Amino acid sequence: MPWHLGRLVGFDLETTSPDPLTARIVTACVVRCGAGQPTEARNWLTDVDGEPIPEGAAAIHGVSTERARAEGVDLRAAVEEILDALSGAAMDGMPIVAMNARYDLTLLDREAQRYGMTPLLQRRGKLRIIDPYVIDKHVDRYRPGKRTLTHLCQHYAVPLGDAHSADADAIAACRVAWRQGAVYEQLAGMSLDELHQAQIGWAAEQAASLQAHFRETNPDAVVEGAWPIIPRQADGDGH
């Protein structure tokens, strides 16, 4: 059976900043969906480990510092539960769908590092990632316009509920991945292992191309090419 017709596990975070090395998790969702089975979602609202949520971030996802402190669960506990949920999905043979996976999975990795937890890549289960963003840039690289989740939902005729809500975004990413598999035979014909490996190469090529573009005006520009997780620095990046 083609991968897109099987069970998919969506993963999305709403956070304090766009830098995955320093941002903290505000809300998270891990949702199992598809294959004609009921949707099963787990959601977290954290206390952000007592850190403030910048106004700009709160304006995007709607969670204020006050709400996080009043209603949020312990961030350390949430990180462990998220790691368990994702590794459990991997153990069950399900792929993890994450829009711009490099951001969300790197951020989760750094949260695990802060708390001394076993990182996702070292847990049981074979991690296979499906990133609608990387896939879209590969299969339709010359299409003009933005490629945010909102734009991909519009392009692939996928409904998007409350944008910038972790649960809505996680489910929408799965729907976009499903549509990509349905539209592009080359994707549907790949095994999950083949698709995961292909995306590593595609992401590196995309980063190299973008870096070359940036260096036309800034010779020192660097675009991260690692996917789906930016490796930790040997000396520990401290984030």
C-alpha atoms as a PDB file:
ATOM      1  CA  MET A   1       0.000   0.000   0.000  1.00  0.00           C
ATOM      2  CA  PRO A   2       1.358   3.463  -0.857  1.00  0.00           C
ATOM      3  CA  TRP A   3       2.579   5.348   2.191  1.00  0.00           C
ATOM      4  CA  HIS A   4       0.055   8.159   1.807  1.00  0.00           C
ATOM      5  CA  LEU A   5      -2.832   5.737   2.211  1.00  0.00           C
ATOM      6  CA  GLY A   6      -1.503   4.462   5.520  1.00  0.00           C
ATOM      7  CA  ARG A   7      -1.653   5.952   8.976  1.00  0.00           C
ATOM      8  CA  LEU A   8       0.176   9.296   9.268  1.00  0.00           C
ATOM      9  CA  VAL A   9       1.317  11.051  12.448  1.00  0.00           C
ATOM     10  CA  GLY A  10       1.256  14.833  12.337  1.00  0.00           C
ATOM     11  CA  PHE A  11       3.557  16.859  14.577  1.00  0.00           C
ATOM     12  CA  ASP A  12       3.531  20.604  15.126  1.00  0.00           C
ATOM     13  CA  LEU A  13       4.791  23.091  17.690  1.00  0.00           C
ATOM     14  CA  GLU A  14       3.897  26.674  18.494  1.00  0.00           C
ATOM     15  CA  THR A  15       6.822  28.385  20.177  1.00  0.00           C
ATOM     16  CA  THR A  16       8.452  31.517  21.546  1.00  0.00           C
ATOM     17  CA  SER A  17      10.656  32.420  18.554  1.00  0.00           C
ATOM     18  CA  PRO A  18      11.708  31.431  15.020  1.00  0.00           C
ATOM     19  CA  ASP A  19      15.138  30.200  16.163  1.00  0.00           C
ATOM     20  CA  PRO A  20      14.910  26.436  16.842  1.00  0.00           C
ATOM     21  CA  LEU A  21      18.108  26.502  18.898  1.00  0.00           C
ATOM     22  CA  THR A  22      16.730  28.901  21.495  1.00  0.00           C
ATOM     23  CA  ALA A  23      12.912  28.799  21.187  1.00  0.00           C
ATOM     24  CA  ARG A  24      10.790  27.077  23.807  1.00  0.00           C
ATOM     25  CA  ILE A  25       7.657  25.007  23.297  1.00  0.00           C
ATOM     26  CA  VAL A  26       4.377  26.785  24.036  1.00  0.00           C
ATOM     27  CA  THR A  27       1.900  24.320  22.522  1.00  0.00           C
ATOM     28  CA  ALA A  28       2.334  21.006  20.747  1.00  0.00           C
ATOM     29  CA  CYS A  29       0.262  18.395  18.972  1.00  0.00           C
ATOM     30  CA  VAL A  30       0.904  14.806  17.942  1.00  0.00           C
ATOM     31  CA  VAL A  31      -1.998  13.426  15.917  1.00  0.00           C
ATOM     32  CA  ARG A  32      -2.533  10.024  14.312  1.00  0.00           C
ATOM     33  CA  CYS A  33      -4.850  10.215  11.331  1.00  0.00           C
ATOM     34  CA  GLY A  34      -5.827   8.606   8.051  1.00  0.00           C
ATOM     35  CA  ALA A  35      -6.182   5.018   6.798  1.00  0.00           C
ATOM     36  CA  GLY A  36      -9.918   5.105   7.466  1.00  0.00           C
ATOM     37  CA  GLN A  37      -9.374   5.081  11.228  1.00  0.00           C
ATOM     38  CA  PRO A  38     -10.440   7.623  13.861  1.00  0.00           C
ATOM     39  CA  THR A  39      -8.197  10.626  14.403  1.00  0.00           C
ATOM     40  CA  GLU A  40      -6.330  10.491  17.715  1.00  0.00           C
ATOM     41  CA  ALA A  41      -4.756  13.734  18.905  1.00  0.00           C
ATOM     42  CA  ARG A  42      -2.685  14.642  21.933  1.00  0.00           C
ATOM     43  CA  ASN A  43      -2.247  18.319  22.727  1.00  0.00           C
ATOM     44  CA  TRP A  44      -0.051  20.177  25.175  1.00  0.00           C
ATOM     45  CA  LEU A  45      -0.057  23.727  26.519  1.00  0.00           C
ATOM     46  CA  THR A  46       3.086  24.251  28.579  1.00  0.00           C
ATOM     47  CA  ASP A  47       4.235  26.672  31.233  1.00  0.00           C
ATOM     48  CA  VAL A  48       7.270  27.423  29.001  1.00  0.00           C
ATOM     49  CA  ASP A  49       9.482  26.623  31.992  1.00  0.00           C
ATOM     50  CA  GLY A  50       8.622  30.024  33.427  1.00  0.00           C
ATOM     51  CA  GLU A  51      10.010  31.965  30.470  1.00  0.00           C
ATOM     52  CA  PRO A  52       8.041  34.884  28.998  1.00  0.00           C
ATOM     53  CA  ILE A  53       6.340  34.581  25.620  1.00  0.00           C
ATOM     54  CA  PRO A  54       7.288  37.561  23.417  1.00  0.00           C
ATOM     55  CA  GLU A  55       4.348  39.647  22.251  1.00  0.00           C
ATOM     56  CA  GLY A  56       5.177  38.911  18.616  1.00  0.00           C
ATOM     57  CA  ALA A  57       4.971  35.166  19.187  1.00  0.00           C
ATOM     58  CA  ALA A  58       1.789  35.482  21.248  1.00  0.00           C
ATOM     59  CA  ALA A  59       0.218  37.488  18.422  1.00  0.00           C
ATOM     60  CA  ILE A  60       0.818  34.531  16.084  1.00  0.00           C
ATOM     61  CA  HIS A  61      -0.411  31.616  18.168  1.00  0.00           C
ATOM     62  CA  GLY A  62      -2.606  33.433  20.675  1.00  0.00           C
ATOM     63  CA  VAL A  63      -1.034  32.154  23.893  1.00  0.00           C
ATOM     64  CA  SER A  64       0.097  34.834  26.316  1.00  0.00           C
ATOM     65  CA  THR A  65       2.656  34.488  29.087  1.00  0.00           C
ATOM     66  CA  GLU A  66      -0.132  34.835  31.625  1.00  0.00           C
ATOM     67  CA  ARG A  67      -2.177  32.018  30.110  1.00  0.00           C
ATOM     68  CA  ALA A  68       0.822  29.719  29.809  1.00  0.00           C
ATOM     69  CA  ARG A  69       1.682  30.218  33.477  1.00  0.00           C
ATOM     70  CA  ALA A  70      -1.909  29.818  34.626  1.00  0.00           C
ATOM     71  CA  GLU A  71      -2.943  26.843  32.466  1.00  0.00           C
ATOM     72  CA  GLY A  72       0.256  25.253  31.156  1.00  0.00           C
ATOM     73  CA  VAL A  73       1.653  21.912  32.251  1.00  0.00           C
ATOM     74  CA  ASP A  74       5.274  21.473  33.284  1.00  0.00           C
ATOM     75  CA  LEU A  75       7.386  21.867  30.138  1.00  0.00           C
ATOM     76  CA  ARG A  76       9.827  19.146  31.173  1.00  0.00           C
ATOM     77  CA  ALA A  77       6.978  16.650  31.499  1.00  0.00           C
ATOM     78  CA  ALA A  78       5.494  17.765  28.176  1.00  0.00           C
ATOM     79  CA  VAL A  79       8.811  17.286  26.342  1.00  0.00           C
ATOM     80  CA  GLU A  80       9.126  13.733  27.681  1.00  0.00           C
ATOM     81  CA  GLU A  81       5.551  12.938  26.665  1.00  0.00           C
ATOM     82  CA  ILE A  82       6.048  14.377  23.166  1.00  0.00           C
ATOM     83  CA  LEU A  83       9.224  12.342  22.710  1.00  0.00           C
ATOM     84  CA  ASP A  84       7.392   9.221  23.885  1.00  0.00           C
ATOM     85  CA  ALA A  85       4.472   9.899  21.529  1.00  0.00           C
ATOM     86  CA  LEU A  86       6.730  10.319  18.492  1.00  0.00           C
ATOM     87  CA  SER A  87       8.970   7.359  19.280  1.00  0.00           C
ATOM     88  CA  GLY A  88       5.842   5.282  19.895  1.00  0.00           C
ATOM     89  CA  ALA A  89       4.571   6.194  16.455  1.00  0.00           C
ATOM     90  CA  ALA A  90       7.938   5.248  14.947  1.00  0.00           C
ATOM     91  CA  MET A  91       7.826   1.912  16.764  1.00  0.00           C
ATOM     92  CA  ASP A  92       4.384   1.333  15.242  1.00  0.00           C
ATOM     93  CA  GLY A  93       5.875   1.913  11.783  1.00  0.00           C
ATOM     94  CA  MET A  94       4.168   5.233  11.161  1.00  0.00           C
ATOM     95  CA  PRO A  95       5.880   8.198   9.492  1.00  0.00           C
ATOM     96  CA  ILE A  96       5.994  11.575  11.219  1.00  0.00           C
ATOM     97  CA  VAL A  97       4.606  14.413   9.092  1.00  0.00           C
ATOM     98  CA  ALA A  98       6.056  17.796  10.016  1.00  0.00           C
ATOM     99  CA  MET A  99       5.858  20.968   7.962  1.00  0.00           C
ATOM    100  CA  ASN A 100       9.391  22.395   7.808  1.00  0.00           C
ATOM    101  CA  ALA A 101      10.523  19.502   9.989  1.00  0.00           C
ATOM    102  CA  ARG A 102      14.003  20.984  10.428  1.00  0.00           C
ATOM    103  CA  TYR A 103      12.516  23.610  12.746  1.00  0.00           C
ATOM    104  CA  ASP A 104      10.147  21.547  14.901  1.00  0.00           C
ATOM    105  CA  LEU A 105      12.365  18.485  15.282  1.00  0.00           C
ATOM    106  CA  THR A 106      15.495  20.528  15.990  1.00  0.00           C
ATOM    107  CA  LEU A 107      13.633  22.556  18.600  1.00  0.00           C
ATOM    108  CA  LEU A 108      12.367  19.363  20.255  1.00  0.00           C
ATOM    109  CA  ASP A 109      15.904  17.968  20.171  1.00  0.00           C
ATOM    110  CA  ARG A 110      17.267  21.024  21.970  1.00  0.00           C
ATOM    111  CA  GLU A 111      14.514  20.843  24.581  1.00  0.00           C
ATOM    112  CA  ALA A 112      15.506  17.204  25.188  1.00  0.00           C
ATOM    113  CA  GLN A 113      19.123  18.316  25.480  1.00  0.00           C
ATOM    114  CA  ARG A 114      18.256  20.962  28.085  1.00  0.00           C
ATOM    115  CA  TYR A 115      16.571  18.365  30.260  1.00  0.00           C
ATOM    116  CA  GLY A 116      19.120  15.599  29.736  1.00  0.00           C
ATOM    117  CA  MET A 117      16.593  13.349  27.974  1.00  0.00           C
ATOM    118  CA  THR A 118      17.332  10.679  25.383  1.00  0.00           C
ATOM    119  CA  PRO A 119      16.977  12.391  21.987  1.00  0.00           C
ATOM    120  CA  LEU A 120      14.387  11.193  19.509  1.00  0.00           C
ATOM    121  CA  LEU A 121      16.988   9.783  17.127  1.00  0.00           C
ATOM    122  CA  GLN A 122      18.351   7.510  19.864  1.00  0.00           C
ATOM    123  CA  ARG A 123      14.996   6.112  20.958  1.00  0.00           C
ATOM    124  CA  ARG A 124      13.370   2.907  19.826  1.00  0.00           C
ATOM    125  CA  GLY A 125      11.616   2.855  16.495  1.00  0.00           C
ATOM    126  CA  LYS A 126      12.754   3.825  13.021  1.00  0.00           C
ATOM    127  CA  LEU A 127      12.178   7.507  12.436  1.00  0.00           C
ATOM    128  CA  ARG A 128      10.829   8.316   8.954  1.00  0.00           C
ATOM    129  CA  ILE A 129       9.884  11.938   8.343  1.00  0.00           C
ATOM    130  CA  ILE A 130       7.609  13.406   5.688  1.00  0.00           C
ATOM    131  CA  ASP A 131       8.093  17.144   5.213  1.00  0.00           C
ATOM    132  CA  PRO A 132       5.486  18.721   2.891  1.00  0.00           C
ATOM    133  CA  TYR A 133       7.638  21.846   2.613  1.00  0.00           C
ATOM    134  CA  VAL A 134      10.747  20.036   1.338  1.00  0.00           C
ATOM    135  CA  ILE A 135       8.650  17.826  -0.912  1.00  0.00           C
ATOM    136  CA  ASP A 136       6.775  20.751  -2.457  1.00  0.00           C
ATOM    137  CA  LYS A 137       9.987  22.648  -3.196  1.00  0.00           C
ATOM    138  CA  HIS A 138      11.314  19.564  -4.976  1.00  0.00           C
ATOM    139  CA  VAL A 139       8.299  18.537  -7.048  1.00  0.00           C
ATOM    140  CA  ASP A 140       7.306  22.092  -8.019  1.00  0.00           C
ATOM    141  CA  ARG A 141      10.484  24.079  -7.558  1.00  0.00           C
ATOM    142  CA  TYR A 142       9.708  26.872 -10.010  1.00  0.00           C
ATOM    143  CA  ARG A 143       6.214  27.717  -8.764  1.00  0.00           C
ATOM    144  CA  PRO A 144       6.191  31.379  -7.659  1.00  0.00           C
ATOM    145  CA  GLY A 145       4.859  32.545  -4.334  1.00  0.00           C
ATOM    146  CA  LYS A 146       5.250  31.597  -0.719  1.00  0.00           C
ATOM    147  CA  ARG A 147       5.268  28.049   0.623  1.00  0.00           C
ATOM    148  CA  THR A 148       3.943  28.444   4.133  1.00  0.00           C
ATOM    149  CA  LEU A 149       1.477  25.842   5.391  1.00  0.00           C
ATOM    150  CA  THR A 150      -1.349  28.256   4.634  1.00  0.00           C
ATOM    151  CA  HIS A 151      -0.156  28.625   1.047  1.00  0.00           C
ATOM    152  CA  LEU A 152       0.374  24.876   0.595  1.00  0.00           C
ATOM    153  CA  CYS A 153      -3.126  24.226   1.878  1.00  0.00           C
ATOM    154  CA  GLN A 154      -4.457  26.650  -0.702  1.00  0.00           C
ATOM    155  CA  HIS A 155      -2.359  25.103  -3.478  1.00  0.00           C
ATOM    156  CA  TYR A 156      -3.338  21.520  -2.674  1.00  0.00           C
ATOM    157  CA  ALA A 157      -6.976  22.388  -1.866  1.00  0.00           C
ATOM    158  CA  VAL A 158      -6.666  21.318   1.750  1.00  0.00           C
ATOM    159  CA  PRO A 159      -8.826  22.868   4.498  1.00  0.00           C
ATOM    160  CA  LEU A 160      -6.901  24.625   7.247  1.00  0.00           C
ATOM    161  CA  GLY A 161      -8.745  25.261  10.479  1.00  0.00           C
ATOM    162  CA  ASP A 162      -7.336  27.628  13.064  1.00  0.00           C
ATOM    163  CA  ALA A 163      -3.994  28.486  11.454  1.00  0.00           C
ATOM    164  CA  HIS A 164      -1.080  28.687  13.916  1.00  0.00           C
ATOM    165  CA  SER A 165      -2.842  26.346  16.287  1.00  0.00           C
ATOM    166  CA  ALA A 166      -0.659  23.257  16.772  1.00  0.00           C
ATOM    167  CA  ASP A 167      -3.463  20.718  16.357  1.00  0.00           C
ATOM    168  CA  ALA A 168      -4.940  22.357  13.258  1.00  0.00           C
ATOM    169  CA  ASP A 169      -1.515  22.737  11.664  1.00  0.00           C
ATOM    170  CA  ALA A 170      -0.519  19.122  12.426  1.00  0.00           C
ATOM    171  CA  ILE A 171      -3.643  17.739  10.774  1.00  0.00           C
ATOM    172  CA  ALA A 172      -3.333  20.128   7.820  1.00  0.00           C
ATOM    173  CA  ALA A 173       0.272  19.034   7.229  1.00  0.00           C
ATOM    174  CA  CYS A 174      -0.916  15.410   7.058  1.00  0.00           C
ATOM    175  CA  ARG A 175      -3.600  16.361   4.561  1.00  0.00           C
ATOM    176  CA  VAL A 176      -1.066  18.189   2.383  1.00  0.00           C
ATOM    177  CA  ALA A 177       1.254  15.157   2.499  1.00  0.00           C
ATOM    178  CA  TRP A 178      -1.665  12.922   1.549  1.00  0.00           C
ATOM    179  CA  ARG A 179      -2.458  15.160  -1.420  1.00  0.00           C
ATOM    180  CA  GLN A 180       1.182  15.206  -2.515  1.00  0.00           C
ATOM    181  CA  GLY A 181       1.256  11.426  -2.504  1.00  0.00           C
ATOM    182  CA  ALA A 182      -1.996  11.315  -4.459  1.00  0.00           C
ATOM    183  CA  VAL A 183      -0.892  13.890  -7.061  1.00  0.00           C
ATOM    184  CA  TYR A 184       2.717  12.819  -7.678  1.00  0.00           C
ATOM    185  CA  GLU A 185       3.182   9.180  -8.711  1.00  0.00           C
ATOM    186  CA  GLN A 186       6.940   9.427  -8.129  1.00  0.00           C
ATOM    187  CA  LEU A 187       6.262  10.050  -4.439  1.00  0.00           C
ATOM    188  CA  ALA A 188       3.586   7.407  -4.034  1.00  0.00           C
ATOM    189  CA  GLY A 189       5.908   4.859  -5.602  1.00  0.00           C
ATOM    190  CA  MET A 190       8.585   5.359  -2.958  1.00  0.00           C
ATOM    191  CA  SER A 191       8.819   3.392   0.248  1.00  0.00           C
ATOM    192  CA  LEU A 192       8.934   5.405   3.469  1.00  0.00           C
ATOM    193  CA  ASP A 193      12.653   4.680   3.759  1.00  0.00           C
ATOM    194  CA  GLU A 194      13.263   5.861   0.189  1.00  0.00           C
ATOM    195  CA  LEU A 195      11.211   9.014   0.695  1.00  0.00           C
ATOM    196  CA  HIS A 196      13.006   9.866   3.921  1.00  0.00           C
ATOM    197  CA  GLN A 197      16.432   9.453   2.318  1.00  0.00           C
ATOM    198  CA  ALA A 198      15.381  11.413  -0.762  1.00  0.00           C
ATOM    199  CA  GLN A 199      14.288  14.356   1.362  1.00  0.00           C
ATOM    200  CA  ILE A 200      17.708  14.510   3.035  1.00  0.00           C
ATOM    201  CA  GLY A 201      19.201  15.120  -0.403  1.00  0.00           C
ATOM    202  CA  TRP A 202      16.447  17.459  -1.537  1.00  0.00           C
ATOM    203  CA  ALA A 203      16.743  19.600   1.594  1.00  0.00           C
ATOM    204  CA  ALA A 204      20.511  19.874   1.168  1.00  0.00           C
ATOM    205  CA  GLU A 205      20.124  20.899  -2.482  1.00  0.00           C
ATOM    206  CA  GLN A 206      17.497  23.494  -1.605  1.00  0.00           C
ATOM    207  CA  ALA A 207      19.674  24.975   1.120  1.00  0.00           C
ATOM    208  CA  ALA A 208      22.702  25.124  -1.170  1.00  0.00           C
ATOM    209  CA  SER A 209      20.672  26.882  -3.857  1.00  0.00           C
ATOM    210  CA  LEU A 210      19.291  29.413  -1.397  1.00  0.00           C
ATOM    211  CA  GLN A 211      22.726  30.009   0.083  1.00  0.00           C
ATOM    212  CA  ALA A 212      24.168  30.671  -3.367  1.00  0.00           C
ATOM    213  CA  HIS A 213      21.373  33.173  -3.984  1.00  0.00           C
ATOM    214  CA  PHE A 214      22.010  34.972  -0.691  1.00  0.00           C
ATOM    215  CA  ARG A 215      25.749  35.101  -1.329  1.00  0.00           C
ATOM    216  CA  GLU A 216      25.176  37.219  -4.404  1.00  0.00           C
ATOM    217  CA  THR A 217      24.652  40.089  -1.971  1.00  0.00           C
ATOM    218  CA  ASN A 218      26.184  38.688   1.236  1.00  0.00           C
ATOM    219  CA  PRO A 219      29.321  36.573   0.715  1.00  0.00           C
ATOM    220  CA  ASP A 220      29.123  35.256   4.281  1.00  0.00           C
ATOM    221  CA  ALA A 221      25.526  34.013   4.125  1.00  0.00           C
ATOM    222  CA  VAL A 222      24.990  30.486   5.424  1.00  0.00           C
ATOM    223  CA  VAL A 223      21.847  28.389   5.011  1.00  0.00           C
ATOM    224  CA  GLU A 224      21.554  25.254   7.111  1.00  0.00           C
ATOM    225  CA  GLY A 225      21.284  22.143   4.967  1.00  0.00           C
ATOM    226  CA  ALA A 226      20.914  19.417   7.570  1.00  0.00           C
ATOM    227  CA  TRP A 227      17.523  17.677   7.677  1.00  0.00           C
ATOM    228  CA  PRO A 228      15.417  16.697   9.547  1.00  0.00           C
ATOM    229  CA  ILE A 229      17.412  17.718  12.652  1.00  0.00           C
ATOM    230  CA  ILE A 230      20.267  20.226  12.828  1.00  0.00           C
ATOM    231  CA  PRO A 231      23.126  18.343  14.536  1.00  0.00           C
ATOM    232  CA  ARG A 232      24.218  19.451  17.958  1.00  0.00           C
ATOM    233  CA  GLN A 233      27.607  21.136  18.163  1.00  0.00           C
ATOM    234  CA  ALA A 234      30.457  18.980  19.432  1.00  0.00           C
ATOM    235  CA  ASP A 235      31.034  21.317  22.350  1.00  0.00           C
ATOM    236  CA  GLY A 236      27.304  21.597  23.031  1.00  0.00           C
ATOM    237  CA  ASP A 237      25.599  24.677  21.646  1.00  0.00           C
ATOM    238  CA  GLY A 238      24.092  25.340  25.046  1.00  0.00           C
ATOM    239  CA  HIS A 239      20.626  25.795  23.616  1.00  0.00           C
END
